[in-house]
Each structure stands twice: as structure tokens, then as C-alpha cells.
Amino acid sequence: MMDVTAILSAAENGDPHAAEELLQAVYTELRRLAAQKLANETPGQTLDATALVHEAYLRLVPKGTSTTGERPHWNSRGHFFAAAAEAMRRILVENARRKARIKHGGEWRRITVGDPADADEDTRLVALDDALTRLAAEDAQAARVVELHHFAGLSHELVAETLGVTVYQARQKWSYARAWLCDALGS
């Protein structure tokens, strides 16, 4: 691991290669930080973690000097990451404000439209029940494994204990039932 503080100091002193070294040293941590920031955002963001990291990095480590002639000064690694978090927050706020403007469709709300060809959840549940009834006629124990594992949420170990079979047998029945149901449901 490269010493981020030393690289920051070199960048501050004008080392042209320091910015490149800095990105390599902090990229993974900045991506993790960006993913955490985006996890709290509403779904459907146009920014992803990579774009957020790149935008924040460009704001934190500008090429050359800024318009005021000053270079950024970082006291430590922690100072740099605190500034990166702040830059990411500002980018997300700017993006949210931009999307809220009327010019960018701010008065409209995004909705998701399901595929009309997709069956709704109730229809799928009824189809699964019909298929389970047919499976029970062929292999009652396999149907029971599906009920316990899928609907009751029991682990293979608990299914085996409930049915009085080995875990291996419960897993075999689960695999068989899944394949049978996929074939019966056409999925």
C-alpha cells in the first residue's frame, strides 16, 4: 500500500505523476465510499459509483493550478477522504437539483411500467400451486420439500429433520422438484 499522505504531499509540491499515483492508491476506497453514498439515494440514479468517483476526483485533484492559482492542501489521508466524501455529497446534491429543474423534467415523476406480457404475482402463485398439486401426485415428498423450503423458508437441514430424511435426500428432492416445476411452468 502506497503512503497516501506522502503522495498527497508530492502532488501539493507539483509532482506531475503524483495525481496518477494517488488515484491508484485511493480508487478502491473511493469506490466503496461512493457506493455507500449511492445506497442512500433513490433508485434510478443516472450516476453510478464509478462516475461519482471520477467526478469527485476531478474536483479534488485538478490538473495544474486552480483559477485562483492555489493547489489543494491535504493534511493527511483522513483529510483527503473527508474532502472526497464532501465532494461526493455536493455532486449528488447538484445532480438532484439539476433533475428537479423544469428544464430537465422536474415537474414529472418517473414511474416504472411492468411488461404487459409478464404475469402478475397472483397469477404466478396460482400457477405454482397448480404445478405443486400435479407434482404431489407424482412425488408427494418432493412437493412437501418445496412447500417447506420455498414457502416456509426452512433450510435443507430443517426440511430433512421435518420429513425424517437425510439432508442429502432433502437436497436431491429440492433439485428434482425445481427442475420439474421449471419444466411444468415453462420457465
N, C-alpha and C. Protein backbone atom coordinates (compact mmCIF):
# COMPACT_ATOMS: atom_id res chain seq x y z
N MET A 1 0.85 -1.18 0.00
CA MET A 1 0.00 0.00 0.00
C MET A 1 0.89 1.24 0.00
N MET A 2 0.65 2.12 -0.92
CA MET A 2 1.42 3.35 -1.01
C MET A 2 0.97 4.30 0.09
N ASP A 3 1.87 5.10 0.58
CA ASP A 3 1.55 6.07 1.62
C ASP A 3 0.81 7.24 0.99
N VAL A 4 -0.48 7.32 1.27
CA VAL A 4 -1.33 8.34 0.65
C VAL A 4 -0.89 9.73 1.06
N THR A 5 -0.52 9.89 2.32
CA THR A 5 -0.09 11.21 2.79
C THR A 5 1.13 11.70 2.04
N ALA A 6 2.09 10.80 1.79
CA ALA A 6 3.30 11.17 1.03
C ALA A 6 2.94 11.54 -0.41
N ILE A 7 2.04 10.81 -1.00
CA ILE A 7 1.63 11.10 -2.38
C ILE A 7 0.90 12.45 -2.43
N LEU A 8 0.05 12.70 -1.43
CA LEU A 8 -0.66 13.98 -1.36
C LEU A 8 0.32 15.13 -1.24
N SER A 9 1.35 14.93 -0.45
CA SER A 9 2.38 15.96 -0.27
C SER A 9 3.12 16.20 -1.58
N ALA A 10 3.42 15.12 -2.31
CA ALA A 10 4.11 15.25 -3.59
C ALA A 10 3.23 15.98 -4.60
N ALA A 11 1.94 15.68 -4.59
CA ALA A 11 1.01 16.36 -5.50
C ALA A 11 0.94 17.84 -5.17
N GLU A 12 0.94 18.14 -3.90
CA GLU A 12 0.89 19.54 -3.45
C GLU A 12 2.14 20.30 -3.89
N ASN A 13 3.26 19.61 -3.95
CA ASN A 13 4.52 20.23 -4.35
C ASN A 13 4.70 20.27 -5.86
N GLY A 14 3.70 19.81 -6.62
CA GLY A 14 3.74 19.93 -8.07
C GLY A 14 4.26 18.73 -8.82
N ASP A 15 4.42 17.60 -8.17
CA ASP A 15 4.87 16.38 -8.86
C ASP A 15 3.82 15.97 -9.89
N PRO A 16 4.16 15.94 -11.19
CA PRO A 16 3.16 15.64 -12.22
C PRO A 16 2.65 14.20 -12.17
N HIS A 17 3.40 13.28 -11.60
CA HIS A 17 3.00 11.87 -11.54
C HIS A 17 2.24 11.54 -10.27
N ALA A 18 2.21 12.45 -9.34
CA ALA A 18 1.58 12.18 -8.04
C ALA A 18 0.08 11.97 -8.17
N ALA A 19 -0.58 12.72 -9.04
CA ALA A 19 -2.03 12.57 -9.20
C ALA A 19 -2.38 11.17 -9.69
N GLU A 20 -1.59 10.65 -10.60
CA GLU A 20 -1.82 9.30 -11.12
C GLU A 20 -1.60 8.25 -10.02
N GLU A 21 -0.53 8.42 -9.24
CA GLU A 21 -0.26 7.51 -8.14
C GLU A 21 -1.36 7.58 -7.09
N LEU A 22 -1.86 8.79 -6.86
CA LEU A 22 -2.91 8.98 -5.86
C LEU A 22 -4.17 8.24 -6.26
N LEU A 23 -4.55 8.34 -7.51
CA LEU A 23 -5.75 7.65 -7.98
C LEU A 23 -5.61 6.14 -7.78
N GLN A 24 -4.46 5.59 -8.11
CA GLN A 24 -4.23 4.16 -7.93
C GLN A 24 -4.32 3.77 -6.46
N ALA A 25 -3.83 4.64 -5.59
CA ALA A 25 -3.78 4.33 -4.16
C ALA A 25 -5.15 4.41 -3.49
N VAL A 26 -6.02 5.27 -3.96
CA VAL A 26 -7.27 5.51 -3.23
C VAL A 26 -8.52 5.06 -3.99
N TYR A 27 -8.36 4.58 -5.21
CA TYR A 27 -9.52 4.30 -6.06
C TYR A 27 -10.51 3.32 -5.41
N THR A 28 -10.02 2.21 -4.88
CA THR A 28 -10.90 1.20 -4.28
C THR A 28 -11.68 1.77 -3.11
N GLU A 29 -11.00 2.51 -2.27
CA GLU A 29 -11.69 3.10 -1.11
C GLU A 29 -12.70 4.17 -1.54
N LEU A 30 -12.35 4.94 -2.57
CA LEU A 30 -13.29 5.95 -3.07
C LEU A 30 -14.52 5.28 -3.68
N ARG A 31 -14.34 4.17 -4.38
CA ARG A 31 -15.48 3.43 -4.95
C ARG A 31 -16.40 2.93 -3.83
N ARG A 32 -15.80 2.42 -2.76
CA ARG A 32 -16.59 1.93 -1.64
C ARG A 32 -17.38 3.07 -1.02
N LEU A 33 -16.73 4.21 -0.84
CA LEU A 33 -17.37 5.40 -0.29
C LEU A 33 -18.51 5.87 -1.20
N ALA A 34 -18.26 5.86 -2.51
CA ALA A 34 -19.29 6.27 -3.48
C ALA A 34 -20.47 5.31 -3.45
N ALA A 35 -20.21 4.02 -3.35
CA ALA A 35 -21.29 3.04 -3.30
C ALA A 35 -22.13 3.24 -2.05
N GLN A 36 -21.49 3.59 -0.92
CA GLN A 36 -22.24 3.87 0.30
C GLN A 36 -23.12 5.09 0.13
N LYS A 37 -22.59 6.13 -0.50
CA LYS A 37 -23.38 7.34 -0.73
C LYS A 37 -24.57 7.05 -1.64
N LEU A 38 -24.35 6.27 -2.69
CA LEU A 38 -25.42 5.98 -3.65
C LEU A 38 -26.45 5.01 -3.08
N ALA A 39 -26.07 4.21 -2.09
CA ALA A 39 -27.03 3.27 -1.49
C ALA A 39 -28.17 4.02 -0.80
N ASN A 40 -27.92 5.23 -0.35
CA ASN A 40 -28.94 6.02 0.33
C ASN A 40 -29.80 6.83 -0.63
N GLU A 41 -29.47 6.80 -1.91
CA GLU A 41 -30.21 7.57 -2.90
C GLU A 41 -31.40 6.79 -3.42
N THR A 42 -32.33 7.49 -4.04
CA THR A 42 -33.49 6.83 -4.61
C THR A 42 -33.07 6.01 -5.82
N PRO A 43 -33.77 4.92 -6.10
CA PRO A 43 -33.42 4.10 -7.26
C PRO A 43 -33.60 4.89 -8.55
N GLY A 44 -32.88 4.49 -9.58
CA GLY A 44 -32.99 5.15 -10.88
C GLY A 44 -32.00 6.28 -11.07
N GLN A 45 -30.96 6.31 -10.26
CA GLN A 45 -29.93 7.34 -10.40
C GLN A 45 -29.22 7.20 -11.73
N THR A 46 -28.88 8.33 -12.32
CA THR A 46 -28.11 8.29 -13.56
C THR A 46 -26.63 8.22 -13.27
N LEU A 47 -26.25 8.50 -12.03
CA LEU A 47 -24.84 8.39 -11.63
C LEU A 47 -24.61 7.02 -11.03
N ASP A 48 -23.51 6.39 -11.40
CA ASP A 48 -23.12 5.17 -10.72
C ASP A 48 -21.87 5.46 -9.91
N ALA A 49 -21.42 4.48 -9.15
CA ALA A 49 -20.28 4.70 -8.25
C ALA A 49 -19.03 5.13 -9.01
N THR A 50 -18.78 4.55 -10.16
CA THR A 50 -17.59 4.90 -10.94
C THR A 50 -17.64 6.35 -11.39
N ALA A 51 -18.78 6.78 -11.92
CA ALA A 51 -18.91 8.17 -12.38
C ALA A 51 -18.78 9.14 -11.21
N LEU A 52 -19.34 8.78 -10.07
CA LEU A 52 -19.25 9.63 -8.90
C LEU A 52 -17.80 9.77 -8.42
N VAL A 53 -17.08 8.67 -8.40
CA VAL A 53 -15.66 8.71 -8.00
C VAL A 53 -14.86 9.59 -8.96
N HIS A 54 -15.07 9.41 -10.24
CA HIS A 54 -14.30 10.17 -11.23
C HIS A 54 -14.59 11.66 -11.12
N GLU A 55 -15.87 12.01 -10.98
CA GLU A 55 -16.23 13.42 -10.85
C GLU A 55 -15.64 14.03 -9.58
N ALA A 56 -15.74 13.31 -8.47
CA ALA A 56 -15.18 13.80 -7.20
C ALA A 56 -13.67 13.94 -7.32
N TYR A 57 -13.01 12.97 -7.93
CA TYR A 57 -11.56 13.02 -8.06
C TYR A 57 -11.12 14.23 -8.88
N LEU A 58 -11.86 14.51 -9.95
CA LEU A 58 -11.52 15.67 -10.78
C LEU A 58 -11.66 16.98 -9.99
N ARG A 59 -12.61 17.01 -9.08
CA ARG A 59 -12.77 18.21 -8.25
C ARG A 59 -11.70 18.30 -7.18
N LEU A 60 -11.26 17.17 -6.68
CA LEU A 60 -10.28 17.15 -5.60
C LEU A 60 -8.85 17.38 -6.08
N VAL A 61 -8.51 16.81 -7.22
CA VAL A 61 -7.14 16.88 -7.73
C VAL A 61 -7.17 17.45 -9.14
N PRO A 62 -7.35 18.77 -9.26
CA PRO A 62 -7.39 19.36 -10.59
C PRO A 62 -6.02 19.32 -11.26
N LYS A 63 -6.03 19.26 -12.56
CA LYS A 63 -4.77 19.33 -13.31
C LYS A 63 -4.21 20.73 -13.17
N GLY A 64 -2.96 20.84 -12.88
CA GLY A 64 -2.32 22.15 -12.75
C GLY A 64 -2.85 22.89 -11.54
N THR A 65 -2.93 24.19 -11.65
CA THR A 65 -3.41 25.00 -10.55
C THR A 65 -4.85 25.42 -10.80
N SER A 66 -5.54 25.80 -9.75
CA SER A 66 -6.92 26.24 -9.88
C SER A 66 -6.96 27.65 -10.45
N THR A 67 -8.16 28.18 -10.67
CA THR A 67 -8.30 29.53 -11.23
C THR A 67 -7.76 30.58 -10.28
N THR A 68 -7.71 30.27 -8.99
CA THR A 68 -7.15 31.22 -8.01
C THR A 68 -5.65 31.06 -7.87
N GLY A 69 -5.09 30.07 -8.59
CA GLY A 69 -3.65 29.86 -8.51
C GLY A 69 -3.23 29.01 -7.32
N GLU A 70 -4.20 28.46 -6.57
CA GLU A 70 -3.87 27.66 -5.39
C GLU A 70 -3.99 26.18 -5.71
N ARG A 71 -3.12 25.41 -5.10
CA ARG A 71 -3.22 23.95 -5.19
C ARG A 71 -3.93 23.47 -3.92
N PRO A 72 -4.68 22.36 -4.04
CA PRO A 72 -5.33 21.85 -2.83
C PRO A 72 -4.28 21.38 -1.83
N HIS A 73 -4.60 21.55 -0.55
CA HIS A 73 -3.68 21.15 0.51
C HIS A 73 -4.36 20.09 1.36
N TRP A 74 -3.74 18.93 1.47
CA TRP A 74 -4.30 17.84 2.26
C TRP A 74 -3.35 17.56 3.42
N ASN A 75 -3.87 17.66 4.63
CA ASN A 75 -3.05 17.42 5.82
C ASN A 75 -2.73 15.95 6.01
N SER A 76 -3.68 15.10 5.63
CA SER A 76 -3.50 13.67 5.86
C SER A 76 -4.44 12.89 4.96
N ARG A 77 -4.30 11.61 5.06
CA ARG A 77 -5.17 10.69 4.32
C ARG A 77 -6.63 10.91 4.72
N GLY A 78 -6.87 11.03 6.03
CA GLY A 78 -8.22 11.26 6.54
C GLY A 78 -8.82 12.55 6.01
N HIS A 79 -8.00 13.59 5.93
CA HIS A 79 -8.45 14.87 5.40
C HIS A 79 -8.87 14.72 3.94
N PHE A 80 -8.08 13.98 3.17
CA PHE A 80 -8.41 13.76 1.77
C PHE A 80 -9.74 13.02 1.63
N PHE A 81 -9.95 11.94 2.42
CA PHE A 81 -11.18 11.18 2.32
C PHE A 81 -12.39 11.96 2.83
N ALA A 82 -12.19 12.82 3.82
CA ALA A 82 -13.28 13.68 4.28
C ALA A 82 -13.68 14.65 3.16
N ALA A 83 -12.68 15.19 2.48
CA ALA A 83 -12.95 16.09 1.36
C ALA A 83 -13.62 15.33 0.21
N ALA A 84 -13.21 14.08 0.00
CA ALA A 84 -13.82 13.27 -1.06
C ALA A 84 -15.29 13.00 -0.74
N ALA A 85 -15.59 12.71 0.51
CA ALA A 85 -16.99 12.48 0.91
C ALA A 85 -17.81 13.74 0.71
N GLU A 86 -17.25 14.88 1.05
CA GLU A 86 -17.94 16.15 0.87
C GLU A 86 -18.16 16.44 -0.62
N ALA A 87 -17.15 16.17 -1.44
CA ALA A 87 -17.28 16.38 -2.88
C ALA A 87 -18.38 15.49 -3.46
N MET A 88 -18.43 14.25 -3.02
CA MET A 88 -19.46 13.33 -3.50
C MET A 88 -20.85 13.81 -3.09
N ARG A 89 -20.97 14.28 -1.86
CA ARG A 89 -22.25 14.79 -1.40
C ARG A 89 -22.69 15.97 -2.26
N ARG A 90 -21.77 16.88 -2.54
CA ARG A 90 -22.09 18.04 -3.37
C ARG A 90 -22.49 17.64 -4.78
N ILE A 91 -21.82 16.67 -5.33
CA ILE A 91 -22.15 16.20 -6.68
C ILE A 91 -23.56 15.62 -6.70
N LEU A 92 -23.88 14.81 -5.69
CA LEU A 92 -25.22 14.22 -5.62
C LEU A 92 -26.29 15.28 -5.45
N VAL A 93 -26.02 16.29 -4.63
CA VAL A 93 -26.98 17.37 -4.43
C VAL A 93 -27.16 18.16 -5.73
N GLU A 94 -26.05 18.49 -6.39
CA GLU A 94 -26.13 19.22 -7.67
C GLU A 94 -26.92 18.41 -8.70
N ASN A 95 -26.69 17.12 -8.73
CA ASN A 95 -27.41 16.26 -9.66
C ASN A 95 -28.91 16.24 -9.34
N ALA A 96 -29.25 16.15 -8.06
CA ALA A 96 -30.66 16.15 -7.65
C ALA A 96 -31.31 17.49 -8.00
N ARG A 97 -30.62 18.58 -7.76
CA ARG A 97 -31.17 19.90 -8.10
C ARG A 97 -31.34 20.06 -9.60
N ARG A 98 -30.38 19.57 -10.35
CA ARG A 98 -30.48 19.65 -11.81
C ARG A 98 -31.69 18.88 -12.30
N LYS A 99 -31.90 17.68 -11.77
CA LYS A 99 -33.03 16.88 -12.20
C LYS A 99 -34.37 17.47 -11.74
N ALA A 100 -34.36 18.29 -10.70
CA ALA A 100 -35.60 18.89 -10.20
C ALA A 100 -36.00 20.11 -11.01
N ARG A 101 -35.09 20.66 -11.82
CA ARG A 101 -35.42 21.82 -12.64
C ARG A 101 -36.43 21.46 -13.71
N ILE A 102 -37.30 22.39 -14.01
CA ILE A 102 -38.33 22.17 -15.02
C ILE A 102 -37.70 21.84 -16.36
N LYS A 103 -36.59 22.49 -16.66
CA LYS A 103 -35.88 22.27 -17.91
C LYS A 103 -35.52 20.79 -18.09
N HIS A 104 -35.26 20.10 -16.98
CA HIS A 104 -34.86 18.69 -17.03
C HIS A 104 -36.01 17.77 -16.62
N GLY A 105 -37.26 18.24 -16.70
CA GLY A 105 -38.41 17.40 -16.39
C GLY A 105 -38.71 17.30 -14.92
N GLY A 106 -38.35 18.34 -14.16
CA GLY A 106 -38.54 18.31 -12.71
C GLY A 106 -39.97 18.18 -12.26
N GLU A 107 -40.92 18.63 -13.09
CA GLU A 107 -42.32 18.52 -12.67
C GLU A 107 -42.88 17.12 -12.93
N TRP A 108 -42.14 16.30 -13.65
CA TRP A 108 -42.58 14.94 -13.96
C TRP A 108 -41.98 13.96 -12.96
N ARG A 109 -42.69 12.93 -12.65
CA ARG A 109 -42.20 11.90 -11.75
C ARG A 109 -42.04 10.61 -12.54
N ARG A 110 -40.93 9.95 -12.31
CA ARG A 110 -40.64 8.71 -13.02
C ARG A 110 -41.42 7.56 -12.38
N ILE A 111 -42.06 6.77 -13.23
CA ILE A 111 -42.73 5.58 -12.75
C ILE A 111 -42.22 4.41 -13.58
N THR A 112 -42.31 3.23 -13.00
CA THR A 112 -41.89 2.06 -13.74
C THR A 112 -43.13 1.36 -14.26
N VAL A 113 -43.05 0.94 -15.47
CA VAL A 113 -44.16 0.25 -16.11
C VAL A 113 -43.73 -1.18 -16.33
N GLY A 114 -44.51 -2.10 -15.80
CA GLY A 114 -44.19 -3.52 -15.96
C GLY A 114 -44.44 -3.98 -17.38
N ASP A 115 -43.80 -5.05 -17.73
CA ASP A 115 -44.00 -5.64 -19.05
C ASP A 115 -45.39 -6.26 -19.08
N PRO A 116 -46.25 -5.84 -19.99
CA PRO A 116 -47.60 -6.39 -20.01
C PRO A 116 -47.63 -7.89 -20.26
N ALA A 117 -46.58 -8.43 -20.86
CA ALA A 117 -46.54 -9.87 -21.11
C ALA A 117 -46.26 -10.64 -19.83
N ASP A 118 -45.65 -9.98 -18.82
CA ASP A 118 -45.36 -10.64 -17.55
C ASP A 118 -46.64 -10.88 -16.77
N ALA A 119 -46.77 -12.07 -16.22
CA ALA A 119 -47.92 -12.36 -15.37
C ALA A 119 -47.71 -11.67 -14.02
N ASP A 120 -48.77 -11.23 -13.40
CA ASP A 120 -48.63 -10.60 -12.09
C ASP A 120 -48.37 -11.68 -11.04
N GLU A 121 -48.04 -11.24 -9.84
CA GLU A 121 -47.63 -12.15 -8.76
C GLU A 121 -48.73 -13.15 -8.41
N ASP A 122 -50.00 -12.71 -8.38
CA ASP A 122 -51.10 -13.62 -8.05
C ASP A 122 -51.22 -14.73 -9.08
N THR A 123 -51.09 -14.38 -10.35
CA THR A 123 -51.18 -15.39 -11.42
C THR A 123 -50.05 -16.40 -11.30
N ARG A 124 -48.85 -15.92 -10.99
CA ARG A 124 -47.70 -16.83 -10.83
C ARG A 124 -47.91 -17.76 -9.64
N LEU A 125 -48.47 -17.23 -8.56
CA LEU A 125 -48.70 -18.03 -7.37
C LEU A 125 -49.73 -19.13 -7.64
N VAL A 126 -50.80 -18.79 -8.35
CA VAL A 126 -51.82 -19.79 -8.70
C VAL A 126 -51.21 -20.86 -9.62
N ALA A 127 -50.40 -20.45 -10.58
CA ALA A 127 -49.76 -21.42 -11.48
C ALA A 127 -48.81 -22.33 -10.70
N LEU A 128 -48.07 -21.77 -9.75
CA LEU A 128 -47.18 -22.57 -8.93
C LEU A 128 -47.97 -23.57 -8.09
N ASP A 129 -49.08 -23.14 -7.53
CA ASP A 129 -49.92 -24.03 -6.72
C ASP A 129 -50.45 -25.19 -7.57
N ASP A 130 -50.92 -24.88 -8.77
CA ASP A 130 -51.41 -25.94 -9.67
C ASP A 130 -50.29 -26.92 -10.00
N ALA A 131 -49.11 -26.40 -10.28
CA ALA A 131 -47.97 -27.26 -10.60
C ALA A 131 -47.57 -28.10 -9.39
N LEU A 132 -47.61 -27.52 -8.20
CA LEU A 132 -47.28 -28.29 -6.98
C LEU A 132 -48.28 -29.41 -6.75
N THR A 133 -49.53 -29.17 -7.05
CA THR A 133 -50.56 -30.20 -6.91
C THR A 133 -50.26 -31.37 -7.85
N ARG A 134 -49.88 -31.05 -9.08
CA ARG A 134 -49.52 -32.10 -10.05
C ARG A 134 -48.26 -32.83 -9.61
N LEU A 135 -47.27 -32.08 -9.06
CA LEU A 135 -46.05 -32.70 -8.57
C LEU A 135 -46.35 -33.62 -7.40
N ALA A 136 -47.25 -33.22 -6.51
CA ALA A 136 -47.60 -34.04 -5.36
C ALA A 136 -48.20 -35.37 -5.79
N ALA A 137 -48.93 -35.38 -6.89
CA ALA A 137 -49.50 -36.63 -7.40
C ALA A 137 -48.40 -37.55 -7.90
N GLU A 138 -47.32 -36.97 -8.40
CA GLU A 138 -46.20 -37.76 -8.91
C GLU A 138 -45.19 -38.11 -7.82
N ASP A 139 -44.84 -37.13 -6.99
CA ASP A 139 -43.86 -37.32 -5.92
C ASP A 139 -44.23 -36.41 -4.75
N ALA A 140 -44.98 -36.95 -3.81
CA ALA A 140 -45.51 -36.18 -2.69
C ALA A 140 -44.39 -35.58 -1.83
N GLN A 141 -43.32 -36.34 -1.64
CA GLN A 141 -42.23 -35.85 -0.80
C GLN A 141 -41.52 -34.66 -1.45
N ALA A 142 -41.34 -34.66 -2.74
CA ALA A 142 -40.72 -33.54 -3.44
C ALA A 142 -41.59 -32.29 -3.32
N ALA A 143 -42.90 -32.46 -3.44
CA ALA A 143 -43.81 -31.32 -3.28
C ALA A 143 -43.74 -30.77 -1.86
N ARG A 144 -43.64 -31.65 -0.90
CA ARG A 144 -43.55 -31.23 0.51
C ARG A 144 -42.24 -30.47 0.76
N VAL A 145 -41.14 -30.91 0.14
CA VAL A 145 -39.85 -30.22 0.26
C VAL A 145 -39.98 -28.80 -0.27
N VAL A 146 -40.65 -28.64 -1.40
CA VAL A 146 -40.84 -27.30 -1.97
C VAL A 146 -41.66 -26.44 -1.01
N GLU A 147 -42.73 -26.98 -0.47
CA GLU A 147 -43.55 -26.22 0.48
C GLU A 147 -42.74 -25.76 1.67
N LEU A 148 -41.96 -26.67 2.24
CA LEU A 148 -41.19 -26.33 3.44
C LEU A 148 -40.04 -25.37 3.12
N HIS A 149 -39.37 -25.60 2.01
CA HIS A 149 -38.20 -24.78 1.69
C HIS A 149 -38.60 -23.42 1.10
N HIS A 150 -39.51 -23.44 0.13
CA HIS A 150 -39.87 -22.20 -0.56
C HIS A 150 -40.85 -21.34 0.23
N PHE A 151 -41.91 -21.95 0.72
CA PHE A 151 -42.95 -21.17 1.38
C PHE A 151 -42.68 -20.94 2.86
N ALA A 152 -42.15 -21.95 3.55
CA ALA A 152 -41.88 -21.79 4.98
C ALA A 152 -40.49 -21.22 5.24
N GLY A 153 -39.62 -21.27 4.21
CA GLY A 153 -38.28 -20.71 4.35
C GLY A 153 -37.33 -21.56 5.17
N LEU A 154 -37.63 -22.85 5.31
CA LEU A 154 -36.77 -23.73 6.10
C LEU A 154 -35.51 -24.08 5.32
N SER A 155 -34.42 -24.24 6.03
CA SER A 155 -33.16 -24.67 5.41
C SER A 155 -33.27 -26.14 5.04
N HIS A 156 -32.32 -26.62 4.25
CA HIS A 156 -32.33 -28.03 3.87
C HIS A 156 -32.23 -28.92 5.10
N GLU A 157 -31.46 -28.49 6.09
CA GLU A 157 -31.30 -29.27 7.31
C GLU A 157 -32.63 -29.40 8.06
N LEU A 158 -33.37 -28.28 8.16
CA LEU A 158 -34.66 -28.32 8.85
C LEU A 158 -35.71 -29.09 8.05
N VAL A 159 -35.65 -28.99 6.73
CA VAL A 159 -36.57 -29.77 5.88
C VAL A 159 -36.31 -31.25 6.11
N ALA A 160 -35.04 -31.64 6.12
CA ALA A 160 -34.68 -33.04 6.34
C ALA A 160 -35.17 -33.52 7.70
N GLU A 161 -34.97 -32.71 8.72
CA GLU A 161 -35.42 -33.07 10.07
C GLU A 161 -36.94 -33.21 10.13
N THR A 162 -37.65 -32.27 9.49
CA THR A 162 -39.12 -32.30 9.50
C THR A 162 -39.66 -33.53 8.79
N LEU A 163 -39.05 -33.90 7.66
CA LEU A 163 -39.53 -35.03 6.88
C LEU A 163 -38.93 -36.37 7.31
N GLY A 164 -37.94 -36.33 8.20
CA GLY A 164 -37.31 -37.56 8.67
C GLY A 164 -36.44 -38.22 7.62
N VAL A 165 -35.77 -37.40 6.80
CA VAL A 165 -34.86 -37.92 5.78
C VAL A 165 -33.49 -37.29 6.01
N THR A 166 -32.51 -37.72 5.25
CA THR A 166 -31.18 -37.13 5.37
C THR A 166 -31.17 -35.80 4.63
N VAL A 167 -30.18 -34.98 4.94
CA VAL A 167 -30.03 -33.68 4.27
C VAL A 167 -29.76 -33.92 2.78
N TYR A 168 -28.98 -34.94 2.47
CA TYR A 168 -28.69 -35.27 1.09
C TYR A 168 -29.98 -35.58 0.33
N GLN A 169 -30.87 -36.36 0.94
CA GLN A 169 -32.13 -36.70 0.29
C GLN A 169 -33.02 -35.45 0.11
N ALA A 170 -33.02 -34.58 1.11
CA ALA A 170 -33.81 -33.34 1.01
C ALA A 170 -33.29 -32.47 -0.13
N ARG A 171 -31.96 -32.37 -0.26
CA ARG A 171 -31.39 -31.59 -1.36
C ARG A 171 -31.69 -32.23 -2.71
N GLN A 172 -31.66 -33.56 -2.79
CA GLN A 172 -31.99 -34.25 -4.03
C GLN A 172 -33.43 -33.96 -4.44
N LYS A 173 -34.33 -34.05 -3.47
CA LYS A 173 -35.74 -33.79 -3.75
C LYS A 173 -35.95 -32.33 -4.18
N TRP A 174 -35.21 -31.41 -3.54
CA TRP A 174 -35.31 -29.99 -3.89
C TRP A 174 -34.85 -29.77 -5.34
N SER A 175 -33.73 -30.37 -5.71
CA SER A 175 -33.21 -30.23 -7.07
C SER A 175 -34.19 -30.82 -8.08
N TYR A 176 -34.70 -32.00 -7.78
CA TYR A 176 -35.67 -32.64 -8.66
C TYR A 176 -36.92 -31.77 -8.80
N ALA A 177 -37.46 -31.29 -7.68
CA ALA A 177 -38.69 -30.51 -7.70
C ALA A 177 -38.50 -29.20 -8.47
N ARG A 178 -37.36 -28.55 -8.28
CA ARG A 178 -37.10 -27.30 -9.02
C ARG A 178 -37.09 -27.55 -10.51
N ALA A 179 -36.40 -28.60 -10.94
CA ALA A 179 -36.35 -28.92 -12.37
C ALA A 179 -37.74 -29.27 -12.88
N TRP A 180 -38.49 -30.07 -12.11
CA TRP A 180 -39.83 -30.46 -12.51
C TRP A 180 -40.74 -29.24 -12.63
N LEU A 181 -40.65 -28.34 -11.66
CA LEU A 181 -41.50 -27.13 -11.68
C LEU A 181 -41.12 -26.18 -12.81
N CYS A 182 -39.83 -26.06 -13.07
CA CYS A 182 -39.40 -25.21 -14.20
C CYS A 182 -39.96 -25.74 -15.50
N ASP A 183 -39.93 -27.04 -15.65
CA ASP A 183 -40.48 -27.65 -16.86
C ASP A 183 -42.00 -27.46 -16.91
N ALA A 184 -42.66 -27.66 -15.79
CA ALA A 184 -44.13 -27.56 -15.75
C ALA A 184 -44.60 -26.12 -15.96
N LEU A 185 -43.83 -25.17 -15.43
CA LEU A 185 -44.22 -23.75 -15.54
C LEU A 185 -43.69 -23.10 -16.82
N GLY A 186 -42.86 -23.83 -17.54
CA GLY A 186 -42.31 -23.29 -18.78
C GLY A 186 -41.32 -22.17 -18.58
N SER A 187 -40.58 -22.22 -17.46
CA SER A 187 -39.59 -21.15 -17.23
C SER A 187 -38.21 -21.68 -17.11
